[in-house]
């Protein structure tokens, strides 16, 4: 299973003064707060932590549909950037940080993904598109489908559907053996997909 999250660091709500004064205390655990206090780039680290928590929560929802996003309960351990682990309950999910111009993209995976291929991608939208409420959602689906279509060249009607607000890949209305995660923020959209080695292209 896989989850991803992207943060546009240039977006207004990601600027240092945009968050509520108590945001950090509500969202981060003691170790994360200490890391932020010691960091030479605390705002970037703040959103790396946030994106890792969001990505891990997307996996948690797939493990248990009743999972609730309580950010401080998803503890981020940034081992040696760009890699780290998010711990919640008994789970420990490895993640990787990828830089995009003016932003960060985090992909978290469950241990089951070790025997799978991971495909991911991101795209920057125009200012006008990013301000259109519907455009980012459409753009991230188009991005995923354009980059994943070659994995199922003989499958008709590849599409992104939803099961309980979780995106899934379908072909001809039949769910494919793949795990998809979509994300967008500001001018950036991103996806990550786990494809078992037996599925799609060899």
Protein backbone atom coordinates (compact mmCIF):
# COMPACT_ATOMS: atom_id res chain seq x y z
CA UNK A 1 0.00 0.00 0.00
CA UNK A 2 1.09 3.53 -0.75
CA UNK A 3 0.31 7.15 0.17
CA UNK A 4 1.68 10.42 -1.10
CA UNK A 5 1.42 14.12 -0.32
CA UNK A 6 2.82 17.21 -2.01
CA UNK A 7 3.26 20.68 -0.49
CA UNK A 8 3.80 23.85 -2.51
CA UNK A 9 6.15 25.82 -0.26
CA UNK A 10 5.43 29.00 -2.24
CA UNK A 11 1.70 28.82 -1.54
CA UNK A 12 0.34 31.45 0.82
CA UNK A 13 -0.83 28.95 3.43
CA UNK A 14 2.64 27.38 3.64
CA UNK A 15 4.38 30.64 4.51
CA UNK A 16 5.91 30.99 8.01
CA UNK A 17 3.41 33.55 9.27
CA UNK A 18 0.30 31.95 7.76
CA UNK A 19 -0.31 29.21 10.29
CA UNK A 20 -2.07 29.60 13.63
CA UNK A 21 0.37 30.31 16.50
CA UNK A 22 -0.57 27.01 18.15
CA UNK A 23 -0.35 24.97 14.93
CA UNK A 24 3.01 23.37 15.75
CA UNK A 25 1.97 22.39 19.27
CA UNK A 26 -1.21 20.71 17.99
CA UNK A 27 0.40 18.93 15.06
CA UNK A 28 3.90 17.85 16.10
CA UNK A 29 5.20 15.53 18.81
CA UNK A 30 8.03 16.50 21.18
CA UNK A 31 10.82 15.06 19.01
CA UNK A 32 9.51 16.86 15.92
CA UNK A 33 9.24 20.15 17.81
CA UNK A 34 12.84 19.75 18.95
CA UNK A 35 13.96 19.09 15.37
CA UNK A 36 12.11 22.20 14.17
CA UNK A 37 13.73 24.31 16.88
CA UNK A 38 17.19 23.09 15.87
CA UNK A 39 16.68 23.36 12.11
CA UNK A 40 18.28 26.02 9.93
CA UNK A 41 15.27 25.72 7.60
CA UNK A 42 12.34 25.11 9.96
CA UNK A 43 9.57 26.04 7.54
CA UNK A 44 10.66 23.53 4.92
CA UNK A 45 11.13 20.84 7.62
CA UNK A 46 7.68 21.66 9.02
CA UNK A 47 6.06 20.81 5.70
CA UNK A 48 8.21 17.72 5.15
CA UNK A 49 6.90 16.47 8.49
CA UNK A 50 3.34 17.40 7.53
CA UNK A 51 3.54 15.73 4.12
CA UNK A 52 4.97 12.56 5.69
CA UNK A 53 2.07 12.48 8.17
CA UNK A 54 -0.49 13.00 5.40
CA UNK A 55 1.10 10.33 3.20
CA UNK A 56 1.14 7.86 6.11
CA UNK A 57 -2.48 8.62 6.95
CA UNK A 58 -3.49 7.72 3.40
CA UNK A 59 -1.92 4.30 3.99
CA UNK A 60 -3.57 4.05 7.41
CA UNK A 61 -7.01 4.61 5.83
CA UNK A 62 -6.37 1.67 3.51
CA UNK A 63 -5.33 -0.53 6.42
CA UNK A 64 -8.33 0.52 8.51
CA UNK A 65 -11.18 2.63 7.11
CA UNK A 66 -11.93 3.86 10.64
CA UNK A 67 -8.51 5.54 10.98
CA UNK A 68 -8.67 9.16 12.14
CA UNK A 69 -6.10 11.79 11.18
CA UNK A 70 -4.62 12.97 14.46
CA UNK A 71 -1.34 14.50 13.21
CA UNK A 72 0.60 14.29 16.47
CA UNK A 73 -0.06 10.54 16.62
CA UNK A 74 1.84 10.05 13.34
CA UNK A 75 5.43 10.42 14.55
CA UNK A 76 7.96 11.28 11.86
CA UNK A 77 11.54 10.10 12.17
CA UNK A 78 13.68 11.70 9.47
CA UNK A 79 16.58 9.24 9.54
CA UNK A 80 18.80 10.81 6.90
CA UNK A 81 16.97 12.91 4.39
CA UNK A 82 15.52 12.06 1.95
CA UNK A 83 14.40 8.93 3.82
CA UNK A 84 12.60 8.38 7.09
CA UNK A 85 9.86 6.48 8.89
CA UNK A 86 6.40 7.41 10.15
CA UNK A 87 5.28 5.48 13.23
CA UNK A 88 1.64 5.18 14.31
CA UNK A 89 0.28 2.43 16.53
CA UNK A 90 2.15 -0.78 15.64
CA UNK A 91 2.95 0.41 12.12
CA UNK A 92 6.21 1.86 10.83
CA UNK A 93 5.99 3.18 7.29
CA UNK A 94 9.15 4.10 5.37
CA UNK A 95 8.95 7.26 3.29
CA UNK A 96 11.06 9.19 0.81
CA UNK A 97 11.16 12.94 0.16
CA UNK A 98 11.50 14.18 -3.43
CA UNK A 99 12.23 17.82 -4.21
CA UNK A 100 10.13 19.70 -6.77
CA UNK A 101 10.74 23.36 -7.66
CA UNK A 102 9.44 25.28 -4.67
CA UNK A 103 7.96 22.24 -2.97
CA UNK A 104 8.33 18.78 -1.44
CA UNK A 105 6.74 15.47 -2.41
CA UNK A 106 6.61 12.60 0.09
CA UNK A 107 5.74 8.98 -0.69
CA UNK A 108 5.09 6.54 2.18
CA UNK A 109 4.80 2.79 1.69
CA UNK A 110 3.61 -0.18 3.69
CA UNK A 111 6.04 -3.09 4.01
CA UNK A 112 3.87 -5.01 1.53
CA UNK A 113 5.23 -2.70 -1.20
CA UNK A 114 8.70 -4.25 -1.04
CA UNK A 115 7.81 -6.75 -3.77
CA UNK A 116 6.18 -4.11 -5.95
CA UNK A 117 7.21 -1.43 -8.38
CA UNK A 118 6.54 2.16 -7.38
CA UNK A 119 5.71 4.69 -10.06
CA UNK A 120 5.25 8.35 -9.20
CA UNK A 121 5.11 11.71 -10.86
CA UNK A 122 4.35 15.39 -10.30
CA UNK A 123 3.36 18.37 -12.39
CA UNK A 124 3.22 22.12 -11.83
CA UNK A 125 0.03 23.88 -12.85
CA UNK A 126 -0.38 27.41 -14.14
CA UNK A 127 -1.53 30.07 -11.68
CA UNK A 128 -4.97 30.16 -13.30
CA UNK A 129 -5.40 26.38 -13.13
CA UNK A 130 -4.30 26.23 -9.49
CA UNK A 131 -6.99 28.79 -8.58
CA UNK A 132 -9.73 26.78 -10.31
CA UNK A 133 -11.35 24.61 -7.65
CA UNK A 134 -11.89 21.65 -9.99
CA UNK A 135 -8.68 21.89 -12.06
CA UNK A 136 -6.15 20.32 -9.64
CA UNK A 137 -8.32 17.24 -9.11
CA UNK A 138 -8.73 16.76 -12.85
CA UNK A 139 -5.05 17.47 -13.53
CA UNK A 140 -3.76 14.91 -11.02
CA UNK A 141 -5.98 12.20 -12.52
CA UNK A 142 -4.83 13.07 -16.02
CA UNK A 143 -1.21 12.97 -14.86
CA UNK A 144 -1.61 9.55 -13.24
CA UNK A 145 -3.43 8.05 -16.22
CA UNK A 146 -0.94 9.42 -18.74
CA UNK A 147 2.01 7.91 -16.88
CA UNK A 148 0.35 4.62 -15.93
CA UNK A 149 -1.34 3.73 -19.20
CA UNK A 150 1.78 2.00 -20.56
CA UNK A 151 1.63 -0.50 -17.68
CA UNK A 152 -1.67 -1.88 -19.01
CA UNK A 153 -1.39 -1.39 -22.79
CA UNK A 154 -4.08 -3.96 -23.53
CA UNK A 155 -6.57 -2.78 -20.91
CA UNK A 156 -9.48 -0.71 -22.27
CA UNK A 157 -10.79 2.41 -20.61
CA UNK A 158 -8.15 2.96 -17.91
CA UNK A 159 -9.73 5.31 -15.38
CA UNK A 160 -9.49 6.62 -11.83
CA UNK A 161 -12.53 5.81 -9.67
CA UNK A 162 -13.19 6.08 -5.94
CA UNK A 163 -13.97 3.60 -3.21
CA UNK A 164 -14.87 5.37 0.00
CA UNK A 165 -12.96 8.52 -1.06
CA UNK A 166 -9.86 6.43 -1.83
CA UNK A 167 -8.76 6.61 -5.48
CA UNK A 168 -8.50 3.31 -7.36
CA UNK A 169 -7.47 2.33 -10.88
CA UNK A 170 -10.03 0.63 -13.08
CA UNK A 171 -10.07 -0.76 -16.61
CA UNK A 172 -13.43 -1.24 -18.26
CA UNK A 173 -15.08 -0.78 -14.87
CA UNK A 174 -12.99 -3.55 -13.24
CA UNK A 175 -10.56 -2.64 -10.46
CA UNK A 176 -6.92 -3.31 -11.30
CA UNK A 177 -4.34 -4.90 -9.00
CA UNK A 178 -2.62 -1.63 -8.16
CA UNK A 179 -2.64 0.84 -5.27
CA UNK A 180 -2.99 4.53 -6.16
CA UNK A 181 -2.53 7.74 -4.19
CA UNK A 182 -3.26 11.28 -5.44
CA UNK A 183 -2.33 14.66 -3.99
CA UNK A 184 -2.45 18.35 -4.89
CA UNK A 185 -1.57 21.60 -3.16
CA UNK A 186 -1.05 25.08 -4.53
CA UNK A 187 0.39 24.82 -8.03
CA UNK A 188 1.50 21.19 -7.68
CA UNK A 189 -0.23 17.88 -8.32
CA UNK A 190 1.36 14.47 -7.70
CA UNK A 191 0.58 10.77 -7.71
CA UNK A 192 2.21 7.52 -6.54
CA UNK A 193 1.19 4.01 -7.56
CA UNK A 194 2.24 0.60 -6.28
CA UNK A 195 2.11 -2.06 -8.99
CA UNK A 196 2.74 -5.73 -8.08
CA UNK A 197 5.50 -7.22 -10.20
CA UNK A 198 3.03 -9.69 -11.69
CA UNK A 199 0.78 -6.88 -12.96
CA UNK A 200 1.29 -4.56 -15.88
CA UNK A 201 4.60 -4.63 -17.74
CA UNK A 202 7.29 -7.12 -16.71
